[in-house]
N, C-alpha and C. Protein backbone atom coordinates (compact mmCIF):
# COMPACT_ATOMS: atom_id res chain seq x y z
N MET A 1 0.85 -1.19 0.00
CA MET A 1 0.00 0.00 0.00
C MET A 1 0.89 1.24 0.00
N ALA A 2 0.49 2.21 -0.75
CA ALA A 2 1.23 3.47 -0.82
C ALA A 2 1.15 4.19 0.52
N ASN A 3 2.30 4.63 0.99
CA ASN A 3 2.35 5.37 2.25
C ASN A 3 2.48 6.87 1.96
N GLU A 4 2.64 7.65 3.02
CA GLU A 4 2.71 9.11 2.87
C GLU A 4 3.84 9.52 1.92
N ASN A 5 5.03 8.97 2.12
CA ASN A 5 6.17 9.37 1.29
C ASN A 5 5.99 9.01 -0.18
N LEU A 6 5.41 7.88 -0.44
CA LEU A 6 5.16 7.47 -1.82
C LEU A 6 4.18 8.43 -2.49
N HIS A 7 3.12 8.79 -1.78
CA HIS A 7 2.15 9.75 -2.32
C HIS A 7 2.81 11.12 -2.56
N LEU A 8 3.65 11.54 -1.62
CA LEU A 8 4.33 12.83 -1.79
C LEU A 8 5.26 12.80 -3.00
N SER A 9 5.98 11.72 -3.17
CA SER A 9 6.86 11.59 -4.32
C SER A 9 6.07 11.72 -5.62
N GLN A 10 4.93 11.06 -5.68
CA GLN A 10 4.10 11.14 -6.89
C GLN A 10 3.51 12.53 -7.07
N ALA A 11 3.11 13.17 -5.99
CA ALA A 11 2.55 14.52 -6.08
C ALA A 11 3.58 15.48 -6.67
N TYR A 12 4.80 15.44 -6.16
CA TYR A 12 5.84 16.34 -6.67
C TYR A 12 6.23 16.00 -8.10
N HIS A 13 6.19 14.74 -8.44
CA HIS A 13 6.45 14.32 -9.82
C HIS A 13 5.40 14.91 -10.77
N ASN A 14 4.12 14.85 -10.35
CA ASN A 14 3.04 15.41 -11.16
C ASN A 14 3.19 16.92 -11.33
N ILE A 15 3.62 17.59 -10.26
CA ILE A 15 3.85 19.04 -10.35
C ILE A 15 4.99 19.33 -11.31
N LYS A 16 6.05 18.53 -11.26
CA LYS A 16 7.17 18.73 -12.18
C LYS A 16 6.71 18.62 -13.64
N LEU A 17 5.85 17.65 -13.91
CA LEU A 17 5.32 17.51 -15.27
C LEU A 17 4.54 18.76 -15.67
N ALA A 18 3.65 19.20 -14.81
CA ALA A 18 2.84 20.38 -15.12
C ALA A 18 3.72 21.61 -15.35
N LYS A 19 4.74 21.79 -14.52
CA LYS A 19 5.64 22.94 -14.69
C LYS A 19 6.48 22.80 -15.96
N HIS A 20 6.86 21.58 -16.30
CA HIS A 20 7.59 21.35 -17.54
C HIS A 20 6.74 21.78 -18.74
N ILE A 21 5.48 21.40 -18.71
CA ILE A 21 4.56 21.80 -19.79
C ILE A 21 4.44 23.31 -19.82
N LEU A 22 4.27 23.93 -18.67
CA LEU A 22 4.12 25.38 -18.58
C LEU A 22 5.36 26.09 -19.09
N ASP A 23 6.53 25.58 -18.77
CA ASP A 23 7.79 26.23 -19.14
C ASP A 23 8.22 25.97 -20.58
N ASN A 24 7.51 25.10 -21.29
CA ASN A 24 7.88 24.74 -22.66
C ASN A 24 6.74 25.00 -23.63
N ASN A 25 6.38 26.26 -23.75
CA ASN A 25 5.36 26.74 -24.67
C ASN A 25 3.92 26.35 -24.31
N CYS A 26 3.74 25.64 -23.26
CA CYS A 26 2.42 25.28 -22.73
C CYS A 26 1.46 24.83 -23.82
N ILE A 27 1.92 23.92 -24.69
CA ILE A 27 1.03 23.45 -25.77
C ILE A 27 0.11 22.32 -25.31
N PHE A 28 0.28 21.86 -24.06
CA PHE A 28 -0.59 20.84 -23.49
C PHE A 28 -1.20 21.34 -22.18
N PRO A 29 -1.91 22.47 -22.20
CA PRO A 29 -2.44 23.02 -20.95
C PRO A 29 -3.43 22.07 -20.28
N ASP A 30 -4.16 21.29 -21.08
CA ASP A 30 -5.10 20.33 -20.51
C ASP A 30 -4.39 19.30 -19.64
N TRP A 31 -3.23 18.85 -20.07
CA TRP A 31 -2.49 17.85 -19.30
C TRP A 31 -1.78 18.48 -18.11
N ALA A 32 -1.39 19.73 -18.22
CA ALA A 32 -0.80 20.41 -17.06
C ALA A 32 -1.84 20.53 -15.95
N ILE A 33 -3.05 20.92 -16.29
CA ILE A 33 -4.12 21.06 -15.31
C ILE A 33 -4.46 19.71 -14.69
N THR A 34 -4.54 18.68 -15.53
CA THR A 34 -4.82 17.34 -15.04
C THR A 34 -3.71 16.87 -14.10
N SER A 35 -2.47 17.17 -14.43
CA SER A 35 -1.35 16.80 -13.56
C SER A 35 -1.44 17.51 -12.22
N PHE A 36 -1.83 18.78 -12.23
CA PHE A 36 -2.01 19.50 -10.97
C PHE A 36 -3.11 18.86 -10.13
N PHE A 37 -4.21 18.46 -10.76
CA PHE A 37 -5.29 17.83 -10.00
C PHE A 37 -4.83 16.51 -9.38
N TYR A 38 -4.11 15.72 -10.15
CA TYR A 38 -3.64 14.45 -9.59
C TYR A 38 -2.58 14.66 -8.52
N ALA A 39 -1.84 15.74 -8.60
CA ALA A 39 -0.93 16.09 -7.50
C ALA A 39 -1.76 16.38 -6.24
N ALA A 40 -2.86 17.09 -6.40
CA ALA A 40 -3.74 17.39 -5.26
C ALA A 40 -4.25 16.10 -4.63
N ILE A 41 -4.63 15.13 -5.47
CA ILE A 41 -5.09 13.85 -4.94
C ILE A 41 -3.99 13.20 -4.10
N HIS A 42 -2.76 13.24 -4.59
CA HIS A 42 -1.68 12.60 -3.84
C HIS A 42 -1.34 13.35 -2.55
N PHE A 43 -1.47 14.67 -2.54
CA PHE A 43 -1.29 15.41 -1.28
C PHE A 43 -2.38 15.00 -0.29
N PHE A 44 -3.61 14.88 -0.77
CA PHE A 44 -4.70 14.43 0.09
C PHE A 44 -4.41 13.03 0.62
N GLU A 45 -4.04 12.12 -0.28
CA GLU A 45 -3.79 10.73 0.12
C GLU A 45 -2.62 10.63 1.10
N ALA A 46 -1.61 11.47 0.93
CA ALA A 46 -0.48 11.47 1.86
C ALA A 46 -0.98 11.83 3.26
N GLN A 47 -1.81 12.87 3.35
CA GLN A 47 -2.35 13.29 4.64
C GLN A 47 -3.29 12.24 5.20
N PHE A 48 -4.12 11.66 4.34
CA PHE A 48 -5.08 10.63 4.76
C PHE A 48 -4.33 9.44 5.35
N TYR A 49 -3.27 9.03 4.69
CA TYR A 49 -2.47 7.91 5.20
C TYR A 49 -1.79 8.29 6.52
N LYS A 50 -1.25 9.49 6.56
CA LYS A 50 -0.56 9.95 7.77
C LYS A 50 -1.50 9.93 8.98
N ARG A 51 -2.75 10.27 8.77
CA ARG A 51 -3.70 10.37 9.87
C ARG A 51 -4.40 9.05 10.19
N SER A 52 -4.51 8.16 9.19
CA SER A 52 -5.32 6.96 9.41
C SER A 52 -4.65 5.65 9.00
N SER A 53 -3.49 5.72 8.34
CA SER A 53 -2.83 4.54 7.77
C SER A 53 -3.73 3.82 6.78
N LYS A 54 -4.59 4.59 6.13
CA LYS A 54 -5.52 4.03 5.13
C LYS A 54 -5.37 4.79 3.83
N HIS A 55 -5.99 4.25 2.80
CA HIS A 55 -5.99 4.87 1.48
C HIS A 55 -7.43 5.23 1.13
N GLY A 56 -7.64 6.44 0.64
CA GLY A 56 -8.98 6.89 0.30
C GLY A 56 -9.67 6.01 -0.72
N GLU A 57 -8.92 5.49 -1.66
CA GLU A 57 -9.48 4.61 -2.69
C GLU A 57 -10.10 3.36 -2.05
N GLU A 58 -9.39 2.78 -1.11
CA GLU A 58 -9.89 1.58 -0.43
C GLU A 58 -11.10 1.90 0.46
N GLU A 59 -11.04 3.04 1.13
CA GLU A 59 -12.16 3.43 1.99
C GLU A 59 -13.41 3.68 1.16
N ALA A 60 -13.25 4.27 -0.01
CA ALA A 60 -14.39 4.56 -0.87
C ALA A 60 -15.04 3.29 -1.39
N GLN A 61 -14.25 2.23 -1.54
CA GLN A 61 -14.76 0.99 -2.12
C GLN A 61 -15.49 0.11 -1.12
N LYS A 62 -15.46 0.47 0.15
CA LYS A 62 -16.16 -0.31 1.15
C LYS A 62 -17.67 -0.20 0.94
N GLY A 63 -18.33 -1.31 0.96
CA GLY A 63 -19.79 -1.30 0.78
C GLY A 63 -20.16 -0.77 -0.59
N ASP A 64 -21.23 -0.03 -0.63
CA ASP A 64 -21.70 0.59 -1.87
C ASP A 64 -21.40 2.08 -1.86
N GLY A 65 -20.23 2.43 -1.40
CA GLY A 65 -19.85 3.83 -1.27
C GLY A 65 -19.68 4.52 -2.60
N PRO A 66 -19.42 5.81 -2.54
CA PRO A 66 -19.25 6.60 -3.76
C PRO A 66 -17.91 6.28 -4.44
N SER A 67 -17.71 6.83 -5.60
CA SER A 67 -16.42 6.68 -6.27
C SER A 67 -15.34 7.31 -5.39
N ALA A 68 -14.10 6.94 -5.65
CA ALA A 68 -12.99 7.50 -4.87
C ALA A 68 -12.94 9.02 -5.02
N HIS A 69 -13.19 9.53 -6.23
CA HIS A 69 -13.18 10.99 -6.42
C HIS A 69 -14.29 11.65 -5.60
N ALA A 70 -15.48 11.05 -5.62
CA ALA A 70 -16.59 11.61 -4.85
C ALA A 70 -16.31 11.52 -3.35
N TYR A 71 -15.70 10.44 -2.93
CA TYR A 71 -15.36 10.24 -1.52
C TYR A 71 -14.38 11.33 -1.06
N ARG A 72 -13.32 11.55 -1.84
CA ARG A 72 -12.34 12.58 -1.48
C ARG A 72 -12.99 13.95 -1.45
N ARG A 73 -13.78 14.24 -2.47
CA ARG A 73 -14.44 15.55 -2.55
C ARG A 73 -15.33 15.78 -1.31
N HIS A 74 -16.02 14.73 -0.89
CA HIS A 74 -16.88 14.82 0.30
C HIS A 74 -16.04 15.12 1.55
N ILE A 75 -14.93 14.43 1.70
CA ILE A 75 -14.06 14.66 2.86
C ILE A 75 -13.49 16.07 2.83
N ILE A 76 -13.03 16.51 1.65
CA ILE A 76 -12.50 17.87 1.52
C ILE A 76 -13.59 18.88 1.88
N HIS A 77 -14.79 18.68 1.35
CA HIS A 77 -15.89 19.61 1.61
C HIS A 77 -16.23 19.68 3.09
N ASN A 78 -16.26 18.53 3.76
CA ASN A 78 -16.68 18.50 5.16
C ASN A 78 -15.58 18.81 6.16
N ASN A 79 -14.34 18.46 5.83
CA ASN A 79 -13.27 18.56 6.81
C ASN A 79 -12.15 19.54 6.47
N HIS A 80 -12.13 20.01 5.26
CA HIS A 80 -11.04 20.89 4.82
C HIS A 80 -11.62 22.06 4.00
N LYS A 81 -12.55 22.74 4.60
CA LYS A 81 -13.29 23.79 3.90
C LYS A 81 -12.39 24.91 3.35
N LEU A 82 -11.24 25.13 3.97
CA LEU A 82 -10.35 26.20 3.52
C LEU A 82 -9.78 25.96 2.13
N ILE A 83 -9.77 24.71 1.68
CA ILE A 83 -9.24 24.43 0.33
C ILE A 83 -10.29 23.85 -0.60
N TYR A 84 -11.54 23.81 -0.14
CA TYR A 84 -12.57 23.17 -0.97
C TYR A 84 -12.73 23.87 -2.32
N LYS A 85 -12.70 25.19 -2.32
CA LYS A 85 -12.88 25.93 -3.58
C LYS A 85 -11.77 25.55 -4.58
N GLU A 86 -10.53 25.55 -4.13
CA GLU A 86 -9.42 25.19 -5.01
C GLU A 86 -9.54 23.76 -5.50
N TRP A 87 -9.89 22.86 -4.58
CA TRP A 87 -10.04 21.45 -4.92
C TRP A 87 -11.14 21.28 -5.98
N ALA A 88 -12.29 21.89 -5.73
CA ALA A 88 -13.42 21.75 -6.64
C ALA A 88 -13.10 22.33 -8.02
N GLU A 89 -12.42 23.46 -8.06
CA GLU A 89 -12.07 24.06 -9.35
C GLU A 89 -11.06 23.20 -10.12
N LEU A 90 -10.07 22.65 -9.41
CA LEU A 90 -9.12 21.74 -10.06
C LEU A 90 -9.83 20.49 -10.57
N ASN A 91 -10.72 19.94 -9.76
CA ASN A 91 -11.47 18.74 -10.13
C ASN A 91 -12.32 19.01 -11.38
N THR A 92 -13.03 20.11 -11.38
CA THR A 92 -13.88 20.45 -12.52
C THR A 92 -13.05 20.65 -13.78
N ALA A 93 -11.97 21.39 -13.68
CA ALA A 93 -11.13 21.64 -14.85
C ALA A 93 -10.50 20.35 -15.36
N SER A 94 -10.09 19.48 -14.46
CA SER A 94 -9.52 18.20 -14.87
C SER A 94 -10.56 17.35 -15.59
N ASN A 95 -11.79 17.36 -15.09
CA ASN A 95 -12.87 16.63 -15.77
C ASN A 95 -13.14 17.22 -17.15
N GLN A 96 -13.14 18.53 -17.24
CA GLN A 96 -13.33 19.17 -18.55
C GLN A 96 -12.20 18.79 -19.50
N ALA A 97 -10.98 18.82 -19.00
CA ALA A 97 -9.82 18.51 -19.83
C ALA A 97 -9.85 17.06 -20.32
N ARG A 98 -10.26 16.15 -19.46
CA ARG A 98 -10.24 14.73 -19.81
C ARG A 98 -11.46 14.28 -20.58
N TYR A 99 -12.63 14.85 -20.27
CA TYR A 99 -13.87 14.34 -20.85
C TYR A 99 -14.62 15.37 -21.71
N LEU A 100 -14.05 16.58 -21.82
CA LEU A 100 -14.62 17.66 -22.63
C LEU A 100 -16.01 18.08 -22.16
N ILE A 101 -16.26 17.96 -20.87
CA ILE A 101 -17.55 18.31 -20.28
C ILE A 101 -17.81 19.80 -20.47
N GLY A 102 -18.88 20.13 -21.14
CA GLY A 102 -19.28 21.51 -21.33
C GLY A 102 -18.40 22.31 -22.30
N LEU A 103 -17.52 21.65 -23.01
CA LEU A 103 -16.63 22.36 -23.94
C LEU A 103 -17.16 22.28 -25.36
N ASP A 104 -16.88 23.33 -26.13
CA ASP A 104 -17.27 23.34 -27.53
C ASP A 104 -16.06 23.28 -28.46
N LYS A 105 -14.90 22.98 -27.87
CA LYS A 105 -13.67 22.82 -28.64
C LYS A 105 -12.74 21.92 -27.84
N PRO A 106 -11.67 21.45 -28.44
CA PRO A 106 -10.75 20.58 -27.69
C PRO A 106 -10.20 21.28 -26.45
N ALA A 107 -9.93 20.51 -25.43
CA ALA A 107 -9.45 21.06 -24.16
C ALA A 107 -8.13 21.80 -24.34
N TYR A 108 -7.28 21.35 -25.26
CA TYR A 108 -6.00 22.03 -25.46
C TYR A 108 -6.18 23.41 -26.07
N ASP A 109 -7.33 23.67 -26.72
CA ASP A 109 -7.64 25.01 -27.22
C ASP A 109 -8.47 25.81 -26.21
N TYR A 110 -9.18 25.12 -25.36
CA TYR A 110 -10.04 25.78 -24.37
C TYR A 110 -9.21 26.40 -23.24
N PHE A 111 -8.27 25.63 -22.71
CA PHE A 111 -7.44 26.12 -21.61
C PHE A 111 -6.23 26.87 -22.16
N SER A 112 -5.79 27.86 -21.39
CA SER A 112 -4.66 28.70 -21.81
C SER A 112 -3.51 28.58 -20.81
N GLU A 113 -2.40 29.17 -21.19
CA GLU A 113 -1.25 29.23 -20.28
C GLU A 113 -1.64 29.97 -18.99
N GLN A 114 -2.45 31.00 -19.13
CA GLN A 114 -2.90 31.74 -17.95
C GLN A 114 -3.72 30.84 -17.02
N ASN A 115 -4.59 29.99 -17.59
CA ASN A 115 -5.34 29.04 -16.76
C ASN A 115 -4.39 28.14 -15.99
N VAL A 116 -3.36 27.65 -16.66
CA VAL A 116 -2.40 26.76 -16.01
C VAL A 116 -1.72 27.49 -14.85
N LYS A 117 -1.36 28.74 -15.05
CA LYS A 117 -0.73 29.52 -13.98
C LYS A 117 -1.67 29.69 -12.79
N GLU A 118 -2.95 29.88 -13.07
CA GLU A 118 -3.94 30.00 -12.00
C GLU A 118 -4.06 28.70 -11.21
N PHE A 119 -4.03 27.58 -11.93
CA PHE A 119 -4.13 26.29 -11.26
C PHE A 119 -2.84 25.93 -10.53
N GLU A 120 -1.73 26.46 -10.98
CA GLU A 120 -0.47 26.27 -10.26
C GLU A 120 -0.58 26.91 -8.87
N LYS A 121 -1.22 28.06 -8.79
CA LYS A 121 -1.43 28.71 -7.49
C LYS A 121 -2.35 27.87 -6.61
N LYS A 122 -3.37 27.27 -7.23
CA LYS A 122 -4.32 26.45 -6.46
C LYS A 122 -3.64 25.22 -5.87
N ILE A 123 -2.78 24.57 -6.64
CA ILE A 123 -2.09 23.39 -6.09
C ILE A 123 -1.12 23.84 -4.99
N GLY A 124 -0.56 25.02 -5.12
CA GLY A 124 0.29 25.56 -4.05
C GLY A 124 -0.49 25.76 -2.77
N THR A 125 -1.70 26.27 -2.89
CA THR A 125 -2.56 26.48 -1.72
C THR A 125 -2.88 25.15 -1.05
N ILE A 126 -3.22 24.15 -1.85
CA ILE A 126 -3.55 22.83 -1.31
C ILE A 126 -2.33 22.21 -0.64
N ARG A 127 -1.19 22.29 -1.28
CA ARG A 127 0.05 21.73 -0.73
C ARG A 127 0.37 22.38 0.61
N HIS A 128 0.31 23.71 0.66
CA HIS A 128 0.60 24.43 1.91
C HIS A 128 -0.42 24.06 3.00
N TYR A 129 -1.67 23.96 2.63
CA TYR A 129 -2.71 23.63 3.60
C TYR A 129 -2.40 22.30 4.30
N PHE A 130 -1.97 21.32 3.52
CA PHE A 130 -1.65 20.01 4.10
C PHE A 130 -0.28 19.99 4.77
N GLY A 131 0.45 21.09 4.70
CA GLY A 131 1.69 21.22 5.44
C GLY A 131 2.93 20.69 4.74
N TYR A 132 2.85 20.58 3.41
CA TYR A 132 4.01 20.06 2.69
C TYR A 132 4.78 21.21 2.06
N ILE A 133 6.09 21.20 2.32
CA ILE A 133 6.96 22.25 1.78
C ILE A 133 7.21 21.97 0.31
N PRO A 134 7.71 22.95 -0.42
CA PRO A 134 8.02 22.69 -1.82
C PRO A 134 9.00 21.53 -1.97
N ASN A 135 8.90 20.89 -3.09
CA ASN A 135 9.79 19.76 -3.37
C ASN A 135 11.24 20.22 -3.30
N PRO A 136 12.06 19.51 -2.54
CA PRO A 136 13.48 19.91 -2.41
C PRO A 136 14.22 19.87 -3.74
């Protein structure tokens, strides 16, 4: 089972990918945003493991529970209200980027470099909230 350090390693790796995209003409803004969202998931999972020695994915699968994404969103909404707005916006944008929800053009044309920069700030807020310093 992935522990706190493994989740943190993956979170910082995802951020590196997003920043690489941003720093290299940002021609894949949809994937940068998606990478930031998955970094947020790993920061959440790192904290979840630290506090409970459990994984959100496994907890969500117990019984007839909600999807893992819905489970995490519920916990963020109820227990981490200070970052819920950032989490929800990252989640929505990632869904739009991956599934074209509500879009009338490809996600790579819909999202801009400026959007990616805004989401970079949101992942920073989430990372700081959970108490993780920038990647060394």
